[in-house]
Amino acid sequence: MNDWLNQNRSIFQLAQILGWAANHPIVSFIVFLFILAIIGSIIQAIGRLIEYASRSILQVPLKLILAIIQFSFASFTQISNLAIKKLTGSHISENKLPILPPETYQNLQLAKQQRLQEIAQRLAEIQKEQNNLFKEATELLTTSKIENEQEIIEK
């Protein structure tokens, strides 16, 4: 054993330090607390490493599932848009507005023209009513002025 300790000088010096610390209880207690602190720090580091690794391992399947769901949703959206385009037969122009078939466009134009005519007729009626109200108001004002002037003259 002495030959082995002589060959490994660092272990021999460590054994000498431990022997000296065993003979001095206060120093050995301080060294013991220091060793406990180091061991505690190592255990905490290992615990954090295990926690981080396990969290990463558990997140991988969830991230994979999320990526699959997003990909399938995007694919479903593209396929449904393509199916809708095929079913409706409408084409998308450069400004991303569907081109209406000629019949629908003509129907819309006729409906717009009819609505504009209705609006114009209604505005004409309103203007006639407004003119009649102005005439009535002016008549009332002129008769009241005449009555006021007559009262002033009589006094």
Protein backbone atom coordinates (compact mmCIF):
# COMPACT_ATOMS: atom_id res chain seq x y z
CA MET A 1 0.00 0.00 0.00
CA ASN A 2 2.88 2.36 0.78
CA ASP A 3 4.34 1.75 -2.67
CA TRP A 4 1.04 2.67 -4.27
CA LEU A 5 0.74 5.85 -2.13
CA ASN A 6 4.32 6.77 -3.02
CA GLN A 7 3.53 6.35 -6.71
CA ASN A 8 0.36 8.49 -6.45
CA ARG A 9 1.61 11.56 -4.62
CA SER A 10 -1.68 13.51 -4.85
CA ILE A 11 -3.62 10.73 -3.10
CA PHE A 12 -0.89 10.53 -0.43
CA GLN A 13 -1.12 14.29 0.20
CA LEU A 14 -4.92 14.06 0.36
CA ALA A 15 -4.65 11.26 2.93
CA GLN A 16 -2.23 13.39 4.99
CA ILE A 17 -4.65 16.36 4.92
CA LEU A 18 -7.54 14.13 6.00
CA GLY A 19 -5.42 12.73 8.85
CA TRP A 20 -4.47 16.21 10.00
CA ALA A 21 -8.16 17.36 9.76
CA ALA A 22 -9.26 14.35 11.83
CA ASN A 23 -6.93 15.46 14.62
CA HIS A 24 -8.36 19.05 14.57
CA PRO A 25 -12.17 18.86 15.06
CA ILE A 26 -13.02 22.55 14.30
CA VAL A 27 -11.14 22.51 11.00
CA SER A 28 -12.61 19.12 10.12
CA PHE A 29 -16.13 20.48 10.82
CA ILE A 30 -15.52 23.48 8.52
CA VAL A 31 -14.13 21.20 5.80
CA PHE A 32 -17.14 18.89 6.27
CA LEU A 33 -19.56 21.85 5.81
CA PHE A 34 -17.64 22.98 2.75
CA ILE A 35 -17.80 19.49 1.24
CA LEU A 36 -21.54 19.29 2.01
CA ALA A 37 -22.09 22.64 0.24
CA ILE A 38 -20.18 21.45 -2.81
CA ILE A 39 -22.09 18.16 -2.89
CA GLY A 40 -25.40 20.06 -2.49
CA SER A 41 -24.52 22.36 -5.40
CA ILE A 42 -23.63 19.37 -7.56
CA ILE A 43 -26.92 17.66 -6.68
CA GLN A 44 -28.88 20.84 -7.50
CA ALA A 45 -27.08 21.16 -10.84
CA ILE A 46 -27.84 17.53 -11.68
CA GLY A 47 -31.48 18.10 -10.68
CA ARG A 48 -31.77 21.16 -12.96
CA LEU A 49 -30.14 19.23 -15.78
CA ILE A 50 -32.59 16.35 -15.36
CA GLU A 51 -35.53 18.80 -15.16
CA TYR A 52 -34.45 20.63 -18.32
CA ALA A 53 -33.83 17.38 -20.21
CA SER A 54 -37.16 15.86 -19.16
CA ARG A 55 -39.04 19.06 -20.05
CA SER A 56 -37.38 19.09 -23.47
CA ILE A 57 -38.17 15.42 -24.00
CA LEU A 58 -41.81 15.98 -23.06
CA GLN A 59 -42.15 19.06 -25.28
CA VAL A 60 -40.89 17.36 -28.44
CA PRO A 61 -44.05 15.24 -29.02
CA LEU A 62 -46.30 18.22 -28.24
CA LYS A 63 -44.42 20.45 -30.68
CA LEU A 64 -44.57 17.69 -33.29
CA ILE A 65 -48.34 17.31 -32.81
CA LEU A 66 -48.79 21.09 -33.07
CA ALA A 67 -46.75 21.20 -36.29
CA ILE A 68 -48.81 18.35 -37.77
CA ILE A 69 -52.07 20.12 -36.86
CA GLN A 70 -50.89 23.40 -38.38
CA PHE A 71 -49.72 21.66 -41.55
CA SER A 72 -52.97 19.72 -41.90
CA PHE A 73 -55.04 22.88 -41.32
CA ALA A 74 -53.05 24.78 -43.96
CA SER A 75 -53.41 21.88 -46.39
CA PHE A 76 -57.14 21.59 -45.68
CA THR A 77 -57.56 25.32 -46.29
CA GLN A 78 -55.74 25.16 -49.61
CA ILE A 79 -57.68 22.09 -50.71
CA SER A 80 -61.03 23.61 -49.71
CA ASN A 81 -60.21 26.85 -51.55
CA LEU A 82 -59.32 24.85 -54.64
CA ALA A 83 -62.54 22.82 -54.35
CA ILE A 84 -64.62 25.99 -53.96
CA LYS A 85 -62.96 27.49 -57.03
CA LYS A 86 -63.70 24.34 -59.03
CA LEU A 87 -67.33 24.18 -57.84
CA THR A 88 -68.17 27.83 -58.42
CA GLY A 89 -66.18 28.05 -61.63
CA SER A 90 -65.16 31.59 -60.77
CA HIS A 91 -61.71 32.83 -61.60
CA ILE A 92 -59.67 35.21 -59.54
CA SER A 93 -58.38 38.26 -61.36
CA GLU A 94 -55.25 40.21 -60.52
CA ASN A 95 -56.97 42.26 -57.84
CA LYS A 96 -58.23 39.11 -56.12
CA LEU A 97 -61.92 39.84 -56.85
CA PRO A 98 -64.02 37.10 -58.44
CA ILE A 99 -65.15 37.84 -61.97
CA LEU A 100 -68.93 37.71 -62.09
CA PRO A 101 -70.64 35.92 -64.94
CA PRO A 102 -72.18 38.31 -67.54
CA GLU A 103 -75.77 37.53 -66.46
CA THR A 104 -75.13 38.42 -62.85
CA TYR A 105 -73.30 41.60 -63.86
CA GLN A 106 -76.21 42.71 -66.04
CA ASN A 107 -78.71 41.92 -63.29
CA LEU A 108 -76.67 43.96 -60.83
CA GLN A 109 -76.49 46.89 -63.26
CA LEU A 110 -80.25 46.80 -63.81
CA ALA A 111 -80.92 46.65 -60.09
CA LYS A 112 -78.59 49.61 -59.51
CA GLN A 113 -80.25 51.67 -62.23
CA GLN A 114 -83.71 50.88 -60.87
CA ARG A 115 -82.65 51.85 -57.36
CA LEU A 116 -81.13 55.11 -58.64
CA GLN A 117 -84.42 55.95 -60.39
CA GLU A 118 -86.35 55.28 -57.18
CA ILE A 119 -83.97 57.53 -55.26
CA ALA A 120 -84.29 60.29 -57.87
CA GLN A 121 -88.11 60.12 -57.72
CA ARG A 122 -88.08 60.28 -53.94
CA LEU A 123 -85.72 63.28 -53.99
CA ALA A 124 -88.02 65.05 -56.46
CA GLU A 125 -91.00 64.44 -54.18
CA ILE A 126 -89.04 65.75 -51.19
CA GLN A 127 -88.02 68.86 -53.16
CA LYS A 128 -91.66 69.53 -54.12
CA GLU A 129 -92.71 69.18 -50.49
CA GLN A 130 -89.88 71.47 -49.43
CA ASN A 131 -90.93 74.12 -51.96
CA ASN A 132 -94.55 73.92 -50.75
CA LEU A 133 -93.38 74.34 -47.14
CA PHE A 134 -91.29 77.38 -48.12
CA LYS A 135 -94.30 78.95 -49.83
CA GLU A 136 -96.48 78.34 -46.79
CA ALA A 137 -93.80 79.77 -44.49
CA THR A 138 -93.42 82.91 -46.64
CA GLU A 139 -97.20 83.38 -46.71
CA LEU A 140 -97.35 83.09 -42.94
CA LEU A 141 -94.50 85.53 -42.52
CA THR A 142 -95.96 88.08 -44.94
CA THR A 143 -99.41 87.93 -43.33
CA SER A 144 -97.88 88.36 -39.89
CA LYS A 145 -95.86 91.38 -41.13
CA ILE A 146 -98.95 92.94 -42.61
CA GLU A 147 -100.89 92.40 -39.40
CA ASN A 148 -98.03 93.88 -37.38
CA GLU A 149 -97.84 96.92 -39.65
CA GLN A 150 -101.60 97.45 -39.40
CA GLU A 151 -101.42 97.30 -35.61
CA ILE A 152 -98.62 99.89 -35.63
CA ILE A 153 -100.60 102.17 -37.96
CA GLU A 154 -103.74 101.89 -35.86
CA LYS A 155 -101.94 102.91 -32.73
